[in-house]
PDB file of N, CA and C in Angstrom:
ATOM      1  N   MET A   1      39.038  -0.766   9.667  1.00  0.00           N
ATOM      2  CA  MET A   1      39.127  -1.739   8.588  1.00  0.00           C
ATOM      3  C   MET A   1      37.873  -2.617   8.594  1.00  0.00           C
ATOM      4  N   PRO A   2      37.148  -2.683   7.496  1.00  0.00           N
ATOM      5  CA  PRO A   2      35.958  -3.533   7.440  1.00  0.00           C
ATOM      6  C   PRO A   2      36.282  -4.996   7.707  1.00  0.00           C
ATOM      7  N   ASP A   3      35.423  -5.638   8.444  1.00  0.00           N
ATOM      8  CA  ASP A   3      35.573  -7.058   8.760  1.00  0.00           C
ATOM      9  C   ASP A   3      34.983  -7.872   7.608  1.00  0.00           C
ATOM     10  N   PRO A   4      35.820  -8.616   6.870  1.00  0.00           N
ATOM     11  CA  PRO A   4      35.306  -9.394   5.740  1.00  0.00           C
ATOM     12  C   PRO A   4      34.389 -10.538   6.159  1.00  0.00           C
ATOM     13  N   ASN A   5      34.360 -10.845   7.450  1.00  0.00           N
ATOM     14  CA  ASN A   5      33.496 -11.928   7.923  1.00  0.00           C
ATOM     15  C   ASN A   5      32.056 -11.485   8.156  1.00  0.00           C
ATOM     16  N   LEU A   6      31.833 -10.160   8.187  1.00  0.00           N
ATOM     17  CA  LEU A   6      30.465  -9.667   8.383  1.00  0.00           C
ATOM     18  C   LEU A   6      29.716  -9.727   7.065  1.00  0.00           C
ATOM     19  N   LYS A   7      28.561 -10.344   7.109  1.00  0.00           N
ATOM     20  CA  LYS A   7      27.724 -10.484   5.922  1.00  0.00           C
ATOM     21  C   LYS A   7      26.791  -9.277   5.796  1.00  0.00           C
ATOM     22  N   ARG A   8      26.595  -8.808   4.579  1.00  0.00           N
ATOM     23  CA  ARG A   8      25.654  -7.718   4.346  1.00  0.00           C
ATOM     24  C   ARG A   8      24.251  -8.172   4.741  1.00  0.00           C
ATOM     25  N   PRO A   9      23.514  -7.328   5.472  1.00  0.00           N
ATOM     26  CA  PRO A   9      22.154  -7.708   5.860  1.00  0.00           C
ATOM     27  C   PRO A   9      21.105  -7.356   4.803  1.00  0.00           C
ATOM     28  N   TRP A  10      21.509  -7.246   3.562  1.00  0.00           N
ATOM     29  CA  TRP A  10      20.579  -7.029   2.454  1.00  0.00           C
ATOM     30  C   TRP A  10      21.072  -7.850   1.278  1.00  0.00           C
ATOM     31  N   ILE A  11      20.243  -7.993   0.268  1.00  0.00           N
ATOM     32  CA  ILE A  11      20.611  -8.793  -0.899  1.00  0.00           C
ATOM     33  C   ILE A  11      20.478  -7.963  -2.167  1.00  0.00           C
ATOM     34  N   SER A  12      21.086  -8.429  -3.233  1.00  0.00           N
ATOM     35  CA  SER A  12      20.872  -7.833  -4.552  1.00  0.00           C
ATOM     36  C   SER A  12      19.551  -8.376  -5.069  1.00  0.00           C
ATOM     37  N   THR A  13      18.683  -7.484  -5.496  1.00  0.00           N
ATOM     38  CA  THR A  13      17.368  -7.908  -5.962  1.00  0.00           C
ATOM     39  C   THR A  13      17.267  -7.728  -7.474  1.00  0.00           C
ATOM     40  N   PRO A  14      16.429  -8.531  -8.115  1.00  0.00           N
ATOM     41  CA  PRO A  14      16.326  -8.455  -9.571  1.00  0.00           C
ATOM     42  C   PRO A  14      15.556  -7.219 -10.053  1.00  0.00           C
ATOM     43  N   LEU A  15      15.872  -6.827 -11.257  1.00  0.00           N
ATOM     44  CA  LEU A  15      15.166  -5.768 -11.969  1.00  0.00           C
ATOM     45  C   LEU A  15      14.493  -6.459 -13.146  1.00  0.00           C
ATOM     46  N   ILE A  16      13.164  -6.427 -13.169  1.00  0.00           N
ATOM     47  CA  ILE A  16      12.460  -7.131 -14.236  1.00  0.00           C
ATOM     48  C   ILE A  16      11.567  -6.171 -15.012  1.00  0.00           C
ATOM     49  N   GLU A  17      11.386  -6.475 -16.277  1.00  0.00           N
ATOM     50  CA  GLU A  17      10.504  -5.661 -17.098  1.00  0.00           C
ATOM     51  C   GLU A  17       9.065  -6.130 -16.906  1.00  0.00           C
ATOM     52  N   SER A  18       8.156  -5.174 -16.752  1.00  0.00           N
ATOM     53  CA  SER A  18       6.733  -5.486 -16.640  1.00  0.00           C
ATOM     54  C   SER A  18       6.107  -5.332 -18.018  1.00  0.00           C
ATOM     55  N   ALA A  19       5.723  -6.439 -18.610  1.00  0.00           N
ATOM     56  CA  ALA A  19       5.113  -6.400 -19.939  1.00  0.00           C
ATOM     57  C   ALA A  19       3.804  -5.616 -19.913  1.00  0.00           C
ATOM     58  N   ALA A  20       2.982  -5.847 -18.891  1.00  0.00           N
ATOM     59  CA  ALA A  20       1.682  -5.167 -18.815  1.00  0.00           C
ATOM     60  C   ALA A  20       1.847  -3.661 -18.647  1.00  0.00           C
ATOM     61  N   LEU A  21       2.714  -3.230 -17.728  1.00  0.00           N
ATOM     62  CA  LEU A  21       2.919  -1.795 -17.531  1.00  0.00           C
ATOM     63  C   LEU A  21       3.603  -1.157 -18.735  1.00  0.00           C
ATOM     64  N   SER A  22       4.545  -1.872 -19.344  1.00  0.00           N
ATOM     65  CA  SER A  22       5.228  -1.355 -20.537  1.00  0.00           C
ATOM     66  C   SER A  22       4.240  -1.134 -21.672  1.00  0.00           C
ATOM     67  N   LYS A  23       3.341  -2.088 -21.855  1.00  0.00           N
ATOM     68  CA  LYS A  23       2.339  -1.969 -22.914  1.00  0.00           C
ATOM     69  C   LYS A  23       1.406  -0.795 -22.633  1.00  0.00           C
ATOM     70  N   ALA A  24       0.953  -0.662 -21.401  1.00  0.00           N
ATOM     71  CA  ALA A  24       0.030   0.420 -21.038  1.00  0.00           C
ATOM     72  C   ALA A  24       0.688   1.793 -21.159  1.00  0.00           C
ATOM     73  N   ALA A  25       1.966   1.897 -20.824  1.00  0.00           N
ATOM     74  CA  ALA A  25       2.662   3.185 -20.848  1.00  0.00           C
ATOM     75  C   ALA A  25       3.187   3.549 -22.230  1.00  0.00           C
ATOM     76  N   GLY A  26       3.406   2.540 -23.057  1.00  0.00           N
ATOM     77  CA  GLY A  26       3.960   2.806 -24.375  1.00  0.00           C
ATOM     78  C   GLY A  26       5.480   2.882 -24.392  1.00  0.00           C
ATOM     79  N   TYR A  27       6.103   2.565 -23.277  1.00  0.00           N
ATOM     80  CA  TYR A  27       7.565   2.468 -23.200  1.00  0.00           C
ATOM     81  C   TYR A  27       7.911   1.454 -22.112  1.00  0.00           C
ATOM     82  N   ARG A  28       9.171   1.047 -22.077  1.00  0.00           N
ATOM     83  CA  ARG A  28       9.579  -0.022 -21.175  1.00  0.00           C
ATOM     84  C   ARG A  28       9.549   0.426 -19.717  1.00  0.00           C
ATOM     85  N   ILE A  29       8.891  -0.377 -18.891  1.00  0.00           N
ATOM     86  CA  ILE A  29       8.811  -0.140 -17.445  1.00  0.00           C
ATOM     87  C   ILE A  29       9.477  -1.316 -16.747  1.00  0.00           C
ATOM     88  N   PHE A  30      10.399  -0.994 -15.846  1.00  0.00           N
ATOM     89  CA  PHE A  30      11.104  -2.021 -15.085  1.00  0.00           C
ATOM     90  C   PHE A  30      10.742  -1.896 -13.610  1.00  0.00           C
ATOM     91  N   LEU A  31      10.679  -3.023 -12.941  1.00  0.00           N
ATOM     92  CA  LEU A  31      10.359  -3.082 -11.520  1.00  0.00           C
ATOM     93  C   LEU A  31      11.556  -3.652 -10.760  1.00  0.00           C
ATOM     94  N   LYS A  32      11.974  -2.964  -9.723  1.00  0.00           N
ATOM     95  CA  LYS A  32      13.045  -3.447  -8.850  1.00  0.00           C
ATOM     96  C   LYS A  32      12.354  -4.165  -7.699  1.00  0.00           C
ATOM     97  N   LEU A  33      12.606  -5.432  -7.543  1.00  0.00           N
ATOM     98  CA  LEU A  33      11.868  -6.261  -6.595  1.00  0.00           C
ATOM     99  C   LEU A  33      12.456  -6.185  -5.178  1.00  0.00           C
ATOM    100  N   GLU A  34      12.334  -5.000  -4.586  1.00  0.00           N
ATOM    101  CA  GLU A  34      12.849  -4.790  -3.229  1.00  0.00           C
ATOM    102  C   GLU A  34      12.020  -5.534  -2.187  1.00  0.00           C
ATOM    103  N   ASN A  35      10.830  -5.992  -2.562  1.00  0.00           N
ATOM    104  CA  ASN A  35      10.024  -6.785  -1.642  1.00  0.00           C
ATOM    105  C   ASN A  35      10.695  -8.126  -1.315  1.00  0.00           C
ATOM    106  N   LEU A  36      11.742  -8.483  -2.052  1.00  0.00           N
ATOM    107  CA  LEU A  36      12.474  -9.727  -1.786  1.00  0.00           C
ATOM    108  C   LEU A  36      13.581  -9.549  -0.746  1.00  0.00           C
ATOM    109  N   GLN A  37      13.782  -8.310  -0.279  1.00  0.00           N
ATOM    110  CA  GLN A  37      14.786  -8.060   0.761  1.00  0.00           C
ATOM    111  C   GLN A  37      14.419  -8.835   2.026  1.00  0.00           C
ATOM    112  N   PRO A  38      15.412  -9.127   2.884  1.00  0.00           N
ATOM    113  CA  PRO A  38      15.115  -9.874   4.105  1.00  0.00           C
ATOM    114  C   PRO A  38      13.998  -9.262   4.957  1.00  0.00           C
ATOM    115  N   ALA A  39      13.909  -7.936   4.997  1.00  0.00           N
ATOM    116  CA  ALA A  39      12.857  -7.280   5.773  1.00  0.00           C
ATOM    117  C   ALA A  39      11.652  -6.907   4.909  1.00  0.00           C
ATOM    118  N   GLY A  40      11.691  -7.231   3.635  1.00  0.00           N
ATOM    119  CA  GLY A  40      10.544  -7.009   2.767  1.00  0.00           C
ATOM    120  C   GLY A  40      10.425  -5.638   2.136  1.00  0.00           C
ATOM    121  N   SER A  41      11.446  -4.768   2.297  1.00  0.00           N
ATOM    122  CA  SER A  41      11.372  -3.444   1.677  1.00  0.00           C
ATOM    123  C   SER A  41      12.776  -2.910   1.386  1.00  0.00           C
ATOM    124  N   PHE A  42      12.828  -1.793   0.654  1.00  0.00           N
ATOM    125  CA  PHE A  42      14.100  -1.172   0.298  1.00  0.00           C
ATOM    126  C   PHE A  42      14.848  -0.682   1.540  1.00  0.00           C
ATOM    127  N   LYS A  43      14.180  -0.556   2.657  1.00  0.00           N
ATOM    128  CA  LYS A  43      14.829  -0.052   3.867  1.00  0.00           C
ATOM    129  C   LYS A  43      15.920  -0.996   4.362  1.00  0.00           C
ATOM    130  N   SER A  44      15.886  -2.254   3.924  1.00  0.00           N
ATOM    131  CA  SER A  44      16.952  -3.193   4.297  1.00  0.00           C
ATOM    132  C   SER A  44      18.305  -2.699   3.814  1.00  0.00           C
ATOM    133  N   ARG A  45      18.340  -2.017   2.672  1.00  0.00           N
ATOM    134  CA  ARG A  45      19.617  -1.514   2.138  1.00  0.00           C
ATOM    135  C   ARG A  45      20.181  -0.388   2.995  1.00  0.00           C
ATOM    136  N   GLY A  46      19.384   0.648   3.232  1.00  0.00           N
ATOM    137  CA  GLY A  46      19.879   1.818   3.968  1.00  0.00           C
ATOM    138  C   GLY A  46      20.162   1.524   5.423  1.00  0.00           C
ATOM    139  N   ILE A  47      19.196   0.934   6.102  1.00  0.00           N
ATOM    140  CA  ILE A  47      19.385   0.645   7.523  1.00  0.00           C
ATOM    141  C   ILE A  47      20.389  -0.477   7.700  1.00  0.00           C
ATOM    142  N   GLY A  48      20.371  -1.454   6.810  1.00  0.00           N
ATOM    143  CA  GLY A  48      21.363  -2.528   6.871  1.00  0.00           C
ATOM    144  C   GLY A  48      22.771  -1.990   6.719  1.00  0.00           C
ATOM    145  N   ASN A  49      22.958  -1.015   5.826  1.00  0.00           N
ATOM    146  CA  ASN A  49      24.271  -0.399   5.639  1.00  0.00           C
ATOM    147  C   ASN A  49      24.687   0.370   6.897  1.00  0.00           C
ATOM    148  N   LEU A  50      23.752   1.096   7.502  1.00  0.00           N
ATOM    149  CA  LEU A  50      24.038   1.835   8.730  1.00  0.00           C
ATOM    150  C   LEU A  50      24.475   0.881   9.845  1.00  0.00           C
ATOM    151  N   VAL A  51      23.752  -0.214  10.012  1.00  0.00           N
ATOM    152  CA  VAL A  51      24.076  -1.204  11.040  1.00  0.00           C
ATOM    153  C   VAL A  51      25.427  -1.858  10.750  1.00  0.00           C
ATOM    154  N   LEU A  52      25.669  -2.190   9.499  1.00  0.00           N
ATOM    155  CA  LEU A  52      26.935  -2.814   9.117  1.00  0.00           C
ATOM    156  C   LEU A  52      28.112  -1.877   9.370  1.00  0.00           C
ATOM    157  N   GLN A  53      27.974  -0.584   9.019  1.00  0.00           N
ATOM    158  CA  GLN A  53      29.046   0.384   9.255  1.00  0.00           C
ATOM    159  C   GLN A  53      29.303   0.551  10.753  1.00  0.00           C
ATOM    160  N   ALA A  54      28.249   0.554  11.566  1.00  0.00           N
ATOM    161  CA  ALA A  54      28.425   0.645  13.024  1.00  0.00           C
ATOM    162  C   ALA A  54      29.199  -0.563  13.538  1.00  0.00           C
ATOM    163  N   ALA A  55      28.901  -1.731  13.008  1.00  0.00           N
ATOM    164  CA  ALA A  55      29.610  -2.953  13.415  1.00  0.00           C
ATOM    165  C   ALA A  55      31.081  -2.892  13.016  1.00  0.00           C
ATOM    166  N   HIS A  56      31.360  -2.358  11.825  1.00  0.00           N
ATOM    167  CA  HIS A  56      32.751  -2.224  11.377  1.00  0.00           C
ATOM    168  C   HIS A  56      33.535  -1.275  12.283  1.00  0.00           C
ATOM    169  N   ARG A  57      32.890  -0.216  12.753  1.00  0.00           N
ATOM    170  CA  ARG A  57      33.575   0.797  13.564  1.00  0.00           C
ATOM    171  C   ARG A  57      33.713   0.402  15.034  1.00  0.00           C
ATOM    172  N   SER A  58      32.901  -0.524  15.487  1.00  0.00           N
ATOM    173  CA  SER A  58      32.876  -0.856  16.911  1.00  0.00           C
ATOM    174  C   SER A  58      33.973  -1.851  17.284  1.00  0.00           C
ATOM    175  N   PRO A  59      34.784  -1.510  18.285  1.00  0.00           N
ATOM    176  CA  PRO A  59      35.782  -2.477  18.744  1.00  0.00           C
ATOM    177  C   PRO A  59      35.144  -3.599  19.575  1.00  0.00           C
ATOM    178  N   HIS A  60      33.925  -3.370  20.060  1.00  0.00           N
ATOM    179  CA  HIS A  60      33.244  -4.354  20.904  1.00  0.00           C
ATOM    180  C   HIS A  60      31.876  -4.660  20.309  1.00  0.00           C
ATOM    181  N   ARG A  61      31.870  -5.428  19.252  1.00  0.00           N
ATOM    182  CA  ARG A  61      30.640  -5.713  18.521  1.00  0.00           C
ATOM    183  C   ARG A  61      29.570  -6.363  19.397  1.00  0.00           C
ATOM    184  N   SER A  62      29.976  -7.126  20.384  1.00  0.00           N
ATOM    185  CA  SER A  62      28.991  -7.800  21.234  1.00  0.00           C
ATOM    186  C   SER A  62      28.214  -6.812  22.096  1.00  0.00           C
ATOM    187  N   HIS A  63      28.688  -5.576  22.212  1.00  0.00           N
ATOM    188  CA  HIS A  63      28.000  -4.569  23.021  1.00  0.00           C
ATOM    189  C   HIS A  63      27.137  -3.634  22.188  1.00  0.00           C
ATOM    190  N   LEU A  64      27.037  -3.869  20.894  1.00  0.00           N
ATOM    191  CA  LEU A  64      26.226  -3.007  20.042  1.00  0.00           C
ATOM    192  C   LEU A  64      24.744  -3.239  20.283  1.00  0.00           C
ATOM    193  N   HIS A  65      24.003  -2.148  20.354  1.00  0.00           N
ATOM    194  CA  HIS A  65      22.549  -2.207  20.448  1.00  0.00           C
ATOM    195  C   HIS A  65      21.998  -1.178  19.482  1.00  0.00           C
ATOM    196  N   PHE A  66      20.942  -1.525  18.799  1.00  0.00           N
ATOM    197  CA  PHE A  66      20.326  -0.631  17.819  1.00  0.00           C
ATOM    198  C   PHE A  66      18.906  -0.329  18.256  1.00  0.00           C
ATOM    199  N   TYR A  67      18.485   0.905  18.009  1.00  0.00           N
ATOM    200  CA  TYR A  67      17.144   1.348  18.369  1.00  0.00           C
ATOM    201  C   TYR A  67      16.478   1.972  17.160  1.00  0.00           C
ATOM    202  N   SER A  68      15.213   1.726  17.021  1.00  0.00           N
ATOM    203  CA  SER A  68      14.439   2.305  15.928  1.00  0.00           C
ATOM    204  C   SER A  68      13.107   2.780  16.478  1.00  0.00           C
ATOM    205  N   SER A  69      12.719   3.975  16.071  1.00  0.00           N
ATOM    206  CA  SER A  69      11.430   4.497  16.525  1.00  0.00           C
ATOM    207  C   SER A  69      10.288   4.024  15.642  1.00  0.00           C
ATOM    208  N   SER A  70      10.594   3.203  14.668  1.00  0.00           N
ATOM    209  CA  SER A  70       9.573   2.715  13.745  1.00  0.00           C
ATOM    210  C   SER A  70       9.210   1.273  14.067  1.00  0.00           C
ATOM    211  N   GLY A  71       7.933   0.985  14.023  1.00  0.00           N
ATOM    212  CA  GLY A  71       7.474  -0.386  14.192  1.00  0.00           C
ATOM    213  C   GLY A  71       7.065  -0.987  12.859  1.00  0.00           C
ATOM    214  N   ARG A  72       7.387  -0.301  11.800  1.00  0.00           N
ATOM    215  CA  ARG A  72       6.993  -0.769  10.464  1.00  0.00           C
ATOM    216  C   ARG A  72       8.229  -1.175   9.673  1.00  0.00           C
ATOM    217  N   ASN A  73       8.326  -0.762   8.415  1.00  0.00           N
ATOM    218  CA  ASN A  73       9.415  -1.208   7.544  1.00  0.00           C
ATOM    219  C   ASN A  73      10.803  -0.903   8.104  1.00  0.00           C
ATOM    220  N   ALA A  74      10.999   0.318   8.606  1.00  0.00           N
ATOM    221  CA  ALA A  74      12.318   0.687   9.126  1.00  0.00           C
ATOM    222  C   ALA A  74      12.654  -0.119  10.380  1.00  0.00           C
ATOM    223  N   GLY A  75      11.676  -0.298  11.266  1.00  0.00           N
ATOM    224  CA  GLY A  75      11.907  -1.093  12.465  1.00  0.00           C
ATOM    225  C   GLY A  75      12.212  -2.543  12.142  1.00  0.00           C
ATOM    226  N   LEU A  76      11.486  -3.087  11.180  1.00  0.00           N
ATOM    227  CA  LEU A  76      11.724  -4.467  10.762  1.00  0.00           C
ATOM    228  C   LEU A  76      13.098  -4.605  10.111  1.00  0.00           C
ATOM    229  N   ALA A  77      13.498  -3.616   9.308  1.00  0.00           N
ATOM    230  CA  ALA A  77      14.825  -3.649   8.678  1.00  0.00           C
ATOM    231  C   ALA A  77      15.923  -3.570   9.738  1.00  0.00           C
ATOM    232  N   CYS A  78      15.728  -2.739  10.755  1.00  0.00           N
ATOM    233  CA  CYS A  78      16.709  -2.620  11.829  1.00  0.00           C
ATOM    234  C   CYS A  78      16.824  -3.936  12.604  1.00  0.00           C
ATOM    235  N   THR A  79      15.700  -4.533  12.907  1.00  0.00           N
ATOM    236  CA  THR A  79      15.686  -5.815  13.618  1.00  0.00           C
ATOM    237  C   THR A  79      16.364  -6.905  12.796  1.00  0.00           C
ATOM    238  N   THR A  80      16.038  -6.978  11.518  1.00  0.00           N
ATOM    239  CA  THR A  80      16.619  -7.993  10.635  1.00  0.00           C
ATOM    240  C   THR A  80      18.127  -7.812  10.513  1.00  0.00           C
ATOM    241  N   ALA A  81      18.575  -6.565  10.338  1.00  0.00           N
ATOM    242  CA  ALA A  81      20.009  -6.291  10.207  1.00  0.00           C
ATOM    243  C   ALA A  81      20.742  -6.616  11.502  1.00  0.00           C
ATOM    244  N   ALA A  82      20.186  -6.219  12.641  1.00  0.00           N
ATOM    245  CA  ALA A  82      20.827  -6.499  13.928  1.00  0.00           C
ATOM    246  C   ALA A  82      20.961  -8.000  14.156  1.00  0.00           C
ATOM    247  N   ARG A  83      19.907  -8.717  13.854  1.00  0.00           N
ATOM    248  CA  ARG A  83      19.961 -10.180  14.033  1.00  0.00           C
ATOM    249  C   ARG A  83      20.985 -10.821  13.106  1.00  0.00           C
ATOM    250  N   SER A  84      21.136 -10.290  11.896  1.00  0.00           N
ATOM    251  CA  SER A  84      22.107 -10.868  10.964  1.00  0.00           C
ATOM    252  C   SER A  84      23.537 -10.708  11.472  1.00  0.00           C
ATOM    253  N   LEU A  85      23.752  -9.721  12.344  1.00  0.00           N
ATOM    254  CA  LEU A  85      25.076  -9.492  12.924  1.00  0.00           C
ATOM    255  C   LEU A  85      25.177 -10.072  14.333  1.00  0.00           C
ATOM    256  N   SER A  86      24.180 -10.844  14.724  1.00  0.00           N
ATOM    257  CA  SER A  86      24.119 -11.461  16.058  1.00  0.00           C
ATOM    258  C   SER A  86      24.081 -10.414  17.164  1.00  0.00           C
ATOM    259  N   SER A  87      23.533  -9.245  16.884  1.00  0.00           N
ATOM    260  CA  SER A  87      23.322  -8.222  17.909  1.00  0.00           C
ATOM    261  C   SER A  87      21.901  -8.379  18.432  1.00  0.00           C
ATOM    262  N   PRO A  88      21.660  -7.934  19.659  1.00  0.00           N
ATOM    263  CA  PRO A  88      20.285  -8.005  20.151  1.00  0.00           C
ATOM    264  C   PRO A  88      19.377  -7.160  19.265  1.00  0.00           C
ATOM    265  N   PRO A  89      18.189  -7.634  18.978  1.00  0.00           N
ATOM    266  CA  PRO A  89      17.283  -6.830  18.155  1.00  0.00           C
ATOM    267  C   PRO A  89      16.822  -5.603  18.923  1.00  0.00           C
ATOM    268  N   PRO A  90      16.400  -4.556  18.212  1.00  0.00           N
ATOM    269  CA  PRO A  90      15.900  -3.356  18.897  1.00  0.00           C
ATOM    270  C   PRO A  90      14.758  -3.713  19.846  1.00  0.00           C
ATOM    271  N   SER A  91      14.749  -3.063  20.996  1.00  0.00           N
ATOM    272  CA  SER A  91      13.745  -3.419  21.991  1.00  0.00           C
ATOM    273  C   SER A  91      12.639  -2.380  22.118  1.00  0.00           C
ATOM    274  N   SER A  92      12.766  -1.267  21.414  1.00  0.00           N
ATOM    275  CA  SER A  92      11.727  -0.247  21.530  1.00  0.00           C
ATOM    276  C   SER A  92      10.659  -0.469  20.474  1.00  0.00           C
ATOM    277  N   SER A  93       9.438  -0.211  20.848  1.00  0.00           N
ATOM    278  CA  SER A  93       8.362  -0.267  19.866  1.00  0.00           C
ATOM    279  C   SER A  93       7.449   0.912  20.124  1.00  0.00           C
ATOM    280  N   PRO A  94       7.108   1.628  19.073  1.00  0.00           N
ATOM    281  CA  PRO A  94       6.286   2.820  19.241  1.00  0.00           C
ATOM    282  C   PRO A  94       4.858   2.466  19.634  1.00  0.00           C
ATOM    283  N   THR A  95       4.196   3.424  20.217  1.00  0.00           N
ATOM    284  CA  THR A  95       2.779   3.261  20.546  1.00  0.00           C
ATOM    285  C   THR A  95       1.976   3.345  19.271  1.00  0.00           C
ATOM    286  N   PRO A  96       1.144   2.349  18.978  1.00  0.00           N
ATOM    287  CA  PRO A  96       0.355   2.400  17.740  1.00  0.00           C
ATOM    288  C   PRO A  96      -0.611   3.584  17.767  1.00  0.00           C
ATOM    289  N   ARG A  97      -0.808   4.198  16.601  1.00  0.00           N
ATOM    290  CA  ARG A  97      -1.755   5.276  16.472  1.00  0.00           C
ATOM    291  C   ARG A  97      -2.922   4.792  15.634  1.00  0.00           C
ATOM    292  N   PRO A  98      -4.100   5.300  15.915  1.00  0.00           N
ATOM    293  CA  PRO A  98      -5.248   4.897  15.080  1.00  0.00           C
ATOM    294  C   PRO A  98      -5.066   5.413  13.660  1.00  0.00           C
ATOM    295  N   PRO A  99      -5.631   4.714  12.678  1.00  0.00           N
ATOM    296  CA  PRO A  99      -5.508   5.172  11.280  1.00  0.00           C
ATOM    297  C   PRO A  99      -6.096   6.559  11.127  1.00  0.00           C
ATOM    298  N   SER A 100      -5.487   7.368  10.235  1.00  0.00           N
ATOM    299  CA  SER A 100      -5.982   8.730  10.008  1.00  0.00           C
ATOM    300  C   SER A 100      -7.213   8.725   9.157  1.00  0.00           C
TER     301      SER A 100
END
C-alpha cells in the first residue's frame, strides 16, 4: 500500500509555447521545462519514481540505500530523490573520463 506521507521527488513542470521557435518553424512549438525539476533534468521523474516505488515496497525504509553509476543527471536525480525520502544519498561516484 503506498504511503500517502511520502512526497514525490519530482514536480509538475510547465509546458510553454516558444514564439521564436514557432515563428521559425511555421507551426506551434512547445517546450516542457524539465530543467525546473529538483535535479535539473527529466531524469527526476523516472529515477524519482523508481526510488519512490522502492520506498513504498520496503518495510524498513530507514535501511534503504540507492546506488547510481552516473555522476551526471541520473546520479544527481538519484541523490535528490533519496534525500527527499530521508534516505542516505548514493555514495558511489564513477571515475571521470576525459572528453572524447
